[in-house]
């Protein structure tokens, strides 16, 4: 598995945006939700398990979630799907 890129799809990004609003009380645009979607993905879980097996656990992971450049109308449309 490539350790530098984790694929995410639109549904994962929307789920991350919802989680950000529900849990963090932060509104992020779709591009800002990509990093969080990667962290929440099954691929990240597999990478974390693989690193632990190799004796290099991912104990500390930093994540930058940014970008509130989305209109209320666009946000509602995105999350209504």
Protein backbone atom coordinates (compact mmCIF):
# COMPACT_ATOMS: atom_id res chain seq x y z
CA UNK A 1 0.00 0.00 0.00
CA UNK A 2 1.25 3.45 -0.92
CA UNK A 3 1.78 5.26 2.36
CA UNK A 4 1.60 8.72 0.84
CA UNK A 5 -1.85 8.65 -0.80
CA UNK A 6 -5.14 7.33 0.56
CA UNK A 7 -8.04 7.30 -1.91
CA UNK A 8 -11.39 8.71 -0.81
CA UNK A 9 -14.65 9.07 -2.70
CA UNK A 10 -17.34 11.74 -2.61
CA UNK A 11 -19.46 9.85 -0.08
CA UNK A 12 -16.50 9.58 2.31
CA UNK A 13 -15.85 13.30 1.94
CA UNK A 14 -19.49 14.12 2.67
CA UNK A 15 -19.42 11.85 5.72
CA UNK A 16 -16.28 13.62 6.95
CA UNK A 17 -17.94 17.01 6.45
CA UNK A 18 -20.96 15.83 8.46
CA UNK A 19 -18.72 14.46 11.20
CA UNK A 20 -16.82 17.74 11.31
CA UNK A 21 -20.05 19.67 11.81
CA UNK A 22 -21.60 17.21 14.26
CA UNK A 23 -18.57 16.42 16.42
CA UNK A 24 -16.19 19.35 15.95
CA UNK A 25 -18.78 22.08 15.33
CA UNK A 26 -16.71 23.19 12.33
CA UNK A 27 -17.97 23.79 8.79
CA UNK A 28 -15.50 22.73 6.11
CA UNK A 29 -15.74 22.80 2.35
CA UNK A 30 -15.37 19.51 0.45
CA UNK A 31 -11.66 20.05 -0.22
CA UNK A 32 -11.15 20.65 3.49
CA UNK A 33 -12.93 17.39 4.29
CA UNK A 34 -10.60 15.26 2.18
CA UNK A 35 -7.92 14.88 4.86
CA UNK A 36 -10.46 13.91 7.51
CA UNK A 37 -12.09 11.46 5.07
CA UNK A 38 -8.68 9.83 4.57
CA UNK A 39 -8.17 9.52 8.30
CA UNK A 40 -11.60 7.91 8.72
CA UNK A 41 -11.15 5.54 5.76
CA UNK A 42 -10.69 1.77 5.89
CA UNK A 43 -7.42 2.29 4.01
CA UNK A 44 -6.03 4.36 6.89
CA UNK A 45 -7.10 1.69 9.38
CA UNK A 46 -5.29 -0.93 7.28
CA UNK A 47 -2.21 1.29 7.03
CA UNK A 48 -2.23 1.82 10.80
CA UNK A 49 -2.45 -1.93 11.41
CA UNK A 50 0.31 -2.62 8.88
CA UNK A 51 2.62 -0.07 10.49
CA UNK A 52 1.97 -1.57 13.93
CA UNK A 53 2.87 -5.04 12.64
CA UNK A 54 6.12 -3.62 11.27
CA UNK A 55 6.99 -2.17 14.67
CA UNK A 56 6.36 1.41 13.51
CA UNK A 57 3.02 2.31 15.09
CA UNK A 58 1.22 5.47 14.07
CA UNK A 59 0.78 6.81 17.59
CA UNK A 60 0.58 10.49 16.70
CA UNK A 61 -1.13 11.69 13.55
CA UNK A 62 -1.55 15.36 12.69
CA UNK A 63 -4.38 16.53 10.49
CA UNK A 64 -5.13 19.93 9.00
CA UNK A 65 -8.79 20.45 8.18
CA UNK A 66 -9.46 23.83 6.65
CA UNK A 67 -11.63 25.73 4.25
CA UNK A 68 -14.99 27.20 5.02
CA UNK A 69 -15.38 28.56 1.50
CA UNK A 70 -18.80 27.06 0.86
CA UNK A 71 -22.18 28.74 0.70
CA UNK A 72 -25.01 27.61 2.93
CA UNK A 73 -27.02 26.61 -0.14
CA UNK A 74 -24.20 24.51 -1.59
CA UNK A 75 -23.52 22.92 1.79
CA UNK A 76 -27.17 21.97 2.27
CA UNK A 77 -27.32 20.51 -1.22
CA UNK A 78 -24.14 18.48 -0.67
CA UNK A 79 -25.27 17.06 2.63
CA UNK A 80 -28.86 16.39 1.52
CA UNK A 81 -27.70 13.62 -0.83
